[in-house]
PDB file of N, CA and C in Angstrom:
ATOM      1  N   MET A   1       0.844  -1.166   0.000  1.00  0.00           N
ATOM      2  CA  MET A   1       0.000   0.000   0.000  1.00  0.00           C
ATOM      3  C   MET A   1       0.892   1.232   0.000  1.00  0.00           C
ATOM      4  N   ALA A   2       0.609   2.147  -0.893  1.00  0.00           N
ATOM      5  CA  ALA A   2       1.362   3.395  -0.986  1.00  0.00           C
ATOM      6  C   ALA A   2       0.668   4.467  -0.156  1.00  0.00           C
ATOM      7  N   LEU A   3       1.408   5.084   0.729  1.00  0.00           N
ATOM      8  CA  LEU A   3       0.858   6.138   1.582  1.00  0.00           C
ATOM      9  C   LEU A   3       1.588   7.442   1.294  1.00  0.00           C
ATOM     10  N   PRO A   4       0.901   8.563   1.405  1.00  0.00           N
ATOM     11  CA  PRO A   4       1.555   9.847   1.122  1.00  0.00           C
ATOM     12  C   PRO A   4       2.529  10.237   2.225  1.00  0.00           C
ATOM     13  N   ARG A   5       3.603  10.873   1.841  1.00  0.00           N
ATOM     14  CA  ARG A   5       4.529  11.444   2.832  1.00  0.00           C
ATOM     15  C   ARG A   5       4.148  12.883   3.115  1.00  0.00           C
ATOM     16  N   GLU A   6       3.681  13.558   2.053  1.00  0.00           N
ATOM     17  CA  GLU A   6       3.237  14.936   2.202  1.00  0.00           C
ATOM     18  C   GLU A   6       2.297  15.282   1.061  1.00  0.00           C
ATOM     19  N   PHE A   7       1.500  16.304   1.272  1.00  0.00           N
ATOM     20  CA  PHE A   7       0.734  16.888   0.179  1.00  0.00           C
ATOM     21  C   PHE A   7       0.387  18.329   0.502  1.00  0.00           C
ATOM     22  N   MET A   8       0.093  19.086  -0.569  1.00  0.00           N
ATOM     23  CA  MET A   8      -0.249  20.487  -0.403  1.00  0.00           C
ATOM     24  C   MET A   8      -1.762  20.638  -0.500  1.00  0.00           C
ATOM     25  N   LEU A   9      -2.306  21.408   0.414  1.00  0.00           N
ATOM     26  CA  LEU A   9      -3.735  21.668   0.461  1.00  0.00           C
ATOM     27  C   LEU A   9      -3.944  23.159   0.217  1.00  0.00           C
ATOM     28  N   PRO A  10      -4.521  23.520  -0.943  1.00  0.00           N
ATOM     29  CA  PRO A  10      -4.764  24.947  -1.174  1.00  0.00           C
ATOM     30  C   PRO A  10      -5.984  25.407  -0.384  1.00  0.00           C
ATOM     31  N   VAL A  11      -5.805  26.382   0.466  1.00  0.00           N
ATOM     32  CA  VAL A  11      -6.882  26.914   1.316  1.00  0.00           C
ATOM     33  C   VAL A  11      -7.018  28.403   1.013  1.00  0.00           C
ATOM     34  N   LEU A  12      -8.250  28.869   0.958  1.00  0.00           N
ATOM     35  CA  LEU A  12      -8.496  30.300   0.772  1.00  0.00           C
ATOM     36  C   LEU A  12      -9.013  30.902   2.075  1.00  0.00           C
ATOM     37  N   PHE A  13      -8.356  31.955   2.538  1.00  0.00           N
ATOM     38  CA  PHE A  13      -8.821  32.735   3.680  1.00  0.00           C
ATOM     39  C   PHE A  13      -9.041  34.156   3.186  1.00  0.00           C
ATOM     40  N   GLU A  14     -10.261  34.609   3.318  1.00  0.00           N
ATOM     41  CA  GLU A  14     -10.624  35.952   2.870  1.00  0.00           C
ATOM     42  C   GLU A  14     -10.177  36.185   1.428  1.00  0.00           C
ATOM     43  N   LYS A  15     -10.425  35.187   0.573  1.00  0.00           N
ATOM     44  CA  LYS A  15     -10.157  35.215  -0.868  1.00  0.00           C
ATOM     45  C   LYS A  15      -8.677  35.261  -1.219  1.00  0.00           C
ATOM     46  N   LEU A  16      -7.814  35.021  -0.257  1.00  0.00           N
ATOM     47  CA  LEU A  16      -6.379  34.972  -0.526  1.00  0.00           C
ATOM     48  C   LEU A  16      -5.890  33.539  -0.397  1.00  0.00           C
ATOM     49  N   PRO A  17      -5.020  33.088  -1.319  1.00  0.00           N
ATOM     50  CA  PRO A  17      -4.499  31.718  -1.223  1.00  0.00           C
ATOM     51  C   PRO A  17      -3.576  31.570  -0.020  1.00  0.00           C
ATOM     52  N   TYR A  18      -3.750  30.489   0.681  1.00  0.00           N
ATOM     53  CA  TYR A  18      -2.958  30.225   1.888  1.00  0.00           C
ATOM     54  C   TYR A  18      -2.650  28.727   1.906  1.00  0.00           C
ATOM     55  N   PRO A  19      -1.685  28.304   1.073  1.00  0.00           N
ATOM     56  CA  PRO A  19      -1.448  26.855   0.948  1.00  0.00           C
ATOM     57  C   PRO A  19      -0.826  26.244   2.201  1.00  0.00           C
ATOM     58  N   TYR A  20      -1.368  25.112   2.589  1.00  0.00           N
ATOM     59  CA  TYR A  20      -0.814  24.315   3.681  1.00  0.00           C
ATOM     60  C   TYR A  20      -0.067  23.140   3.073  1.00  0.00           C
ATOM     61  N   VAL A  21       1.082  22.821   3.621  1.00  0.00           N
ATOM     62  CA  VAL A  21       1.798  21.610   3.239  1.00  0.00           C
ATOM     63  C   VAL A  21       1.783  20.690   4.448  1.00  0.00           C
ATOM     64  N   LEU A  22       1.233  19.486   4.266  1.00  0.00           N
ATOM     65  CA  LEU A  22       1.139  18.518   5.345  1.00  0.00           C
ATOM     66  C   LEU A  22       2.237  17.481   5.192  1.00  0.00           C
ATOM     67  N   HIS A  23       3.044  17.314   6.233  1.00  0.00           N
ATOM     68  CA  HIS A  23       4.113  16.320   6.271  1.00  0.00           C
ATOM     69  C   HIS A  23       3.694  15.251   7.281  1.00  0.00           C
ATOM     70  N   PHE A  24       3.379  14.059   6.771  1.00  0.00           N
ATOM     71  CA  PHE A  24       2.905  12.985   7.629  1.00  0.00           C
ATOM     72  C   PHE A  24       4.048  12.254   8.303  1.00  0.00           C
ATOM     73  N   ASP A  25       3.839  11.821   9.533  1.00  0.00           N
ATOM     74  CA  ASP A  25       4.761  10.920  10.202  1.00  0.00           C
ATOM     75  C   ASP A  25       4.487   9.535   9.635  1.00  0.00           C
ATOM     76  N   GLU A  26       5.463   8.960   8.932  1.00  0.00           N
ATOM     77  CA  GLU A  26       5.213   7.709   8.208  1.00  0.00           C
ATOM     78  C   GLU A  26       4.804   6.561   9.122  1.00  0.00           C
ATOM     79  N   PHE A  27       5.339   6.503  10.320  1.00  0.00           N
ATOM     80  CA  PHE A  27       4.996   5.409  11.237  1.00  0.00           C
ATOM     81  C   PHE A  27       3.578   5.581  11.797  1.00  0.00           C
ATOM     82  N   GLU A  28       3.219   6.802  12.144  1.00  0.00           N
ATOM     83  CA  GLU A  28       1.871   7.065  12.640  1.00  0.00           C
ATOM     84  C   GLU A  28       0.831   6.775  11.552  1.00  0.00           C
ATOM     85  N   LEU A  29       1.103   7.207  10.323  1.00  0.00           N
ATOM     86  CA  LEU A  29       0.166   6.994   9.229  1.00  0.00           C
ATOM     87  C   LEU A  29       0.036   5.508   8.888  1.00  0.00           C
ATOM     88  N   MET A  30       1.156   4.798   8.840  1.00  0.00           N
ATOM     89  CA  MET A  30       1.123   3.363   8.555  1.00  0.00           C
ATOM     90  C   MET A  30       0.341   2.616   9.638  1.00  0.00           C
ATOM     91  N   ASP A  31       0.570   2.965  10.880  1.00  0.00           N
ATOM     92  CA  ASP A  31      -0.147   2.324  11.984  1.00  0.00           C
ATOM     93  C   ASP A  31      -1.653   2.576  11.879  1.00  0.00           C
ATOM     94  N   ALA A  32      -2.032   3.807  11.575  1.00  0.00           N
ATOM     95  CA  ALA A  32      -3.456   4.139  11.439  1.00  0.00           C
ATOM     96  C   ALA A  32      -4.087   3.354  10.296  1.00  0.00           C
ATOM     97  N   PHE A  33      -3.418   3.294   9.154  1.00  0.00           N
ATOM     98  CA  PHE A  33      -3.972   2.558   8.019  1.00  0.00           C
ATOM     99  C   PHE A  33      -4.053   1.064   8.306  1.00  0.00           C
ATOM    100  N   GLU A  34      -3.051   0.511   8.980  1.00  0.00           N
ATOM    101  CA  GLU A  34      -3.097  -0.913   9.316  1.00  0.00           C
ATOM    102  C   GLU A  34      -4.275  -1.221  10.229  1.00  0.00           C
ATOM    103  N   LYS A  35      -4.537  -0.355  11.196  1.00  0.00           N
ATOM    104  CA  LYS A  35      -5.657  -0.573  12.117  1.00  0.00           C
ATOM    105  C   LYS A  35      -7.005  -0.404  11.422  1.00  0.00           C
ATOM    106  N   LEU A  36      -7.095   0.561  10.502  1.00  0.00           N
ATOM    107  CA  LEU A  36      -8.374   0.861   9.871  1.00  0.00           C
ATOM    108  C   LEU A  36      -8.704  -0.023   8.670  1.00  0.00           C
ATOM    109  N   THR A  37      -7.727  -0.747   8.151  1.00  0.00           N
ATOM    110  CA  THR A  37      -7.975  -1.603   6.979  1.00  0.00           C
ATOM    111  C   THR A  37      -8.012  -3.085   7.324  1.00  0.00           C
ATOM    112  N   VAL A  38      -8.181  -3.412   8.595  1.00  0.00           N
ATOM    113  CA  VAL A  38      -8.164  -4.807   9.040  1.00  0.00           C
ATOM    114  C   VAL A  38      -9.115  -5.679   8.229  1.00  0.00           C
ATOM    115  N   ASN A  39     -10.310  -5.184   7.945  1.00  0.00           N
ATOM    116  CA  ASN A  39     -11.303  -5.961   7.202  1.00  0.00           C
ATOM    117  C   ASN A  39     -11.462  -5.468   5.766  1.00  0.00           C
ATOM    118  N   GLY A  40     -10.436  -4.821   5.239  1.00  0.00           N
ATOM    119  CA  GLY A  40     -10.457  -4.358   3.860  1.00  0.00           C
ATOM    120  C   GLY A  40     -11.224  -3.072   3.617  1.00  0.00           C
ATOM    121  N   GLU A  41     -11.526  -2.328   4.677  1.00  0.00           N
ATOM    122  CA  GLU A  41     -12.268  -1.078   4.518  1.00  0.00           C
ATOM    123  C   GLU A  41     -11.437  -0.033   3.784  1.00  0.00           C
ATOM    124  N   LEU A  42     -12.132   0.844   3.093  1.00  0.00           N
ATOM    125  CA  LEU A  42     -11.511   1.975   2.434  1.00  0.00           C
ATOM    126  C   LEU A  42     -11.207   3.032   3.489  1.00  0.00           C
ATOM    127  N   VAL A  43     -10.004   3.594   3.469  1.00  0.00           N
ATOM    128  CA  VAL A  43      -9.584   4.585   4.460  1.00  0.00           C
ATOM    129  C   VAL A  43      -9.392   5.932   3.765  1.00  0.00           C
ATOM    130  N   HIS A  44      -9.829   6.989   4.428  1.00  0.00           N
ATOM    131  CA  HIS A  44      -9.712   8.348   3.913  1.00  0.00           C
ATOM    132  C   HIS A  44      -8.849   9.171   4.868  1.00  0.00           C
ATOM    133  N   ILE A  45      -8.269  10.241   4.350  1.00  0.00           N
ATOM    134  CA  ILE A  45      -7.572  11.216   5.178  1.00  0.00           C
ATOM    135  C   ILE A  45      -8.372  12.507   5.098  1.00  0.00           C
ATOM    136  N   GLU A  46      -8.682  13.066   6.260  1.00  0.00           N
ATOM    137  CA  GLU A  46      -9.477  14.290   6.321  1.00  0.00           C
ATOM    138  C   GLU A  46      -8.670  15.387   7.011  1.00  0.00           C
ATOM    139  N   VAL A  47      -8.714  16.581   6.439  1.00  0.00           N
ATOM    140  CA  VAL A  47      -8.020  17.738   7.004  1.00  0.00           C
ATOM    141  C   VAL A  47      -9.054  18.822   7.282  1.00  0.00           C
ATOM    142  N   TRP A  48      -9.062  19.307   8.500  1.00  0.00           N
ATOM    143  CA  TRP A  48      -9.903  20.435   8.884  1.00  0.00           C
ATOM    144  C   TRP A  48      -8.979  21.634   9.071  1.00  0.00           C
ATOM    145  N   PRO A  49      -8.801  22.456   8.036  1.00  0.00           N
ATOM    146  CA  PRO A  49      -7.872  23.577   8.168  1.00  0.00           C
ATOM    147  C   PRO A  49      -8.375  24.608   9.168  1.00  0.00           C
ATOM    148  N   GLY A  50      -7.459  25.090   9.979  1.00  0.00           N
ATOM    149  CA  GLY A  50      -7.782  26.140  10.939  1.00  0.00           C
ATOM    150  C   GLY A  50      -7.097  27.432  10.537  1.00  0.00           C
ATOM    151  N   VAL A  51      -7.426  28.480  11.226  1.00  0.00           N
ATOM    152  CA  VAL A  51      -6.807  29.772  10.938  1.00  0.00           C
ATOM    153  C   VAL A  51      -5.311  29.714  11.237  1.00  0.00           C
ATOM    154  N   THR A  52      -4.946  28.948  12.242  1.00  0.00           N
ATOM    155  CA  THR A  52      -3.528  28.751  12.549  1.00  0.00           C
ATOM    156  C   THR A  52      -3.169  27.287  12.283  1.00  0.00           C
ATOM    157  N   ARG A  53      -1.895  27.048  12.104  1.00  0.00           N
ATOM    158  CA  ARG A  53      -1.452  25.666  11.904  1.00  0.00           C
ATOM    159  C   ARG A  53      -1.780  24.800  13.113  1.00  0.00           C
ATOM    160  N   GLU A  54      -1.678  25.364  14.295  1.00  0.00           N
ATOM    161  CA  GLU A  54      -1.937  24.617  15.517  1.00  0.00           C
ATOM    162  C   GLU A  54      -3.392  24.193  15.647  1.00  0.00           C
ATOM    163  N   SER A  55      -4.307  24.939  15.042  1.00  0.00           N
ATOM    164  CA  SER A  55      -5.727  24.598  15.148  1.00  0.00           C
ATOM    165  C   SER A  55      -6.200  23.672  14.024  1.00  0.00           C
ATOM    166  N   THR A  56      -5.327  23.338  13.085  1.00  0.00           N
ATOM    167  CA  THR A  56      -5.681  22.421  12.003  1.00  0.00           C
ATOM    168  C   THR A  56      -5.694  20.991  12.527  1.00  0.00           C
ATOM    169  N   ARG A  57      -6.699  20.220  12.124  1.00  0.00           N
ATOM    170  CA  ARG A  57      -6.846  18.831  12.570  1.00  0.00           C
ATOM    171  C   ARG A  57      -6.768  17.898  11.368  1.00  0.00           C
ATOM    172  N   VAL A  58      -6.084  16.763  11.558  1.00  0.00           N
ATOM    173  CA  VAL A  58      -5.922  15.756  10.506  1.00  0.00           C
ATOM    174  C   VAL A  58      -6.282  14.397  11.104  1.00  0.00           C
ATOM    175  N   ARG A  59      -7.023  13.588  10.335  1.00  0.00           N
ATOM    176  CA  ARG A  59      -7.372  12.254  10.811  1.00  0.00           C
ATOM    177  C   ARG A  59      -7.450  11.288   9.642  1.00  0.00           C
ATOM    178  N   ALA A  60      -7.267  10.012   9.940  1.00  0.00           N
ATOM    179  CA  ALA A  60      -7.540   8.919   9.010  1.00  0.00           C
ATOM    180  C   ALA A  60      -8.818   8.268   9.513  1.00  0.00           C
ATOM    181  N   TYR A  61      -9.722   7.910   8.591  1.00  0.00           N
ATOM    182  CA  TYR A  61     -10.987   7.340   9.046  1.00  0.00           C
ATOM    183  C   TYR A  61     -11.582   6.394   8.008  1.00  0.00           C
ATOM    184  N   ASN A  62     -12.479   5.542   8.492  1.00  0.00           N
ATOM    185  CA  ASN A  62     -13.315   4.710   7.637  1.00  0.00           C
ATOM    186  C   ASN A  62     -14.728   4.752   8.207  1.00  0.00           C
ATOM    187  N   ASP A  63     -15.615   3.885   7.727  1.00  0.00           N
ATOM    188  CA  ASP A  63     -16.998   3.900   8.194  1.00  0.00           C
ATOM    189  C   ASP A  63     -17.148   3.479   9.654  1.00  0.00           C
ATOM    190  N   LYS A  64     -16.137   2.840  10.206  1.00  0.00           N
ATOM    191  CA  LYS A  64     -16.245   2.286  11.556  1.00  0.00           C
ATOM    192  C   LYS A  64     -15.485   3.062  12.621  1.00  0.00           C
ATOM    193  N   GLY A  65     -14.583   3.945  12.229  1.00  0.00           N
ATOM    194  CA  GLY A  65     -13.812   4.657  13.233  1.00  0.00           C
ATOM    195  C   GLY A  65     -12.838   5.643  12.628  1.00  0.00           C
ATOM    196  N   SER A  66     -12.110   6.344  13.499  1.00  0.00           N
ATOM    197  CA  SER A  66     -11.115   7.309  13.029  1.00  0.00           C
ATOM    198  C   SER A  66      -9.952   7.369  13.998  1.00  0.00           C
ATOM    199  N   ILE A  67      -8.824   7.808  13.472  1.00  0.00           N
ATOM    200  CA  ILE A  67      -7.610   7.958  14.270  1.00  0.00           C
ATOM    201  C   ILE A  67      -7.017   9.327  13.951  1.00  0.00           C
ATOM    202  N   ALA A  68      -6.813  10.152  14.988  1.00  0.00           N
ATOM    203  CA  ALA A  68      -6.194  11.462  14.809  1.00  0.00           C
ATOM    204  C   ALA A  68      -4.725  11.278  14.422  1.00  0.00           C
ATOM    205  N   LEU A  69      -4.278  12.075  13.482  1.00  0.00           N
ATOM    206  CA  LEU A  69      -2.873  12.046  13.059  1.00  0.00           C
ATOM    207  C   LEU A  69      -2.167  13.242  13.692  1.00  0.00           C
ATOM    208  N   ALA A  70      -1.869  13.108  14.962  1.00  0.00           N
ATOM    209  CA  ALA A  70      -1.338  14.206  15.775  1.00  0.00           C
ATOM    210  C   ALA A  70       0.099  14.573  15.441  1.00  0.00           C
ATOM    211  N   LYS A  71       0.840  13.680  14.826  1.00  0.00           N
ATOM    212  CA  LYS A  71       2.247  13.954  14.516  1.00  0.00           C
ATOM    213  C   LYS A  71       2.447  14.617  13.152  1.00  0.00           C
ATOM    214  N   THR A  72       1.355  14.871  12.437  1.00  0.00           N
ATOM    215  CA  THR A  72       1.447  15.521  11.145  1.00  0.00           C
ATOM    216  C   THR A  72       1.933  16.952  11.347  1.00  0.00           C
ATOM    217  N   ILE A  73       2.932  17.339  10.582  1.00  0.00           N
ATOM    218  CA  ILE A  73       3.477  18.702  10.645  1.00  0.00           C
ATOM    219  C   ILE A  73       2.830  19.510   9.537  1.00  0.00           C
ATOM    220  N   ILE A  74       2.268  20.655   9.896  1.00  0.00           N
ATOM    221  CA  ILE A  74       1.605  21.509   8.941  1.00  0.00           C
ATOM    222  C   ILE A  74       2.427  22.772   8.777  1.00  0.00           C
ATOM    223  N   ALA A  75       2.826  23.035   7.535  1.00  0.00           N
ATOM    224  CA  ALA A  75       3.645  24.196   7.245  1.00  0.00           C
ATOM    225  C   ALA A  75       2.945  25.048   6.189  1.00  0.00           C
ATOM    226  N   ASN A  76       3.329  26.295   6.111  1.00  0.00           N
ATOM    227  CA  ASN A  76       2.845  27.170   5.061  1.00  0.00           C
ATOM    228  C   ASN A  76       3.889  27.163   3.952  1.00  0.00           C
ATOM    229  N   LYS A  77       3.423  27.184   2.733  1.00  0.00           N
ATOM    230  CA  LYS A  77       4.358  27.169   1.612  1.00  0.00           C
ATOM    231  C   LYS A  77       4.974  28.524   1.436  1.00  0.00           C
TER     232      LYS A  77
END
């Protein structure tokens, strides 16, 4: 299974571009996917962008549960 190491999320605040770059902790992400795909479920990554990087929330989830990805580093491009 291929998992992302990072990706850029284009966010608009007050009509201005404010790109976030998410750097995933590979061990945390792998552990979350292993736990959530036990029965072959499809897993998604969800990002709730906040006004500050500290208030942004990231999680991996499926229909049965979710795991917060607390070690994800969020940077501005």
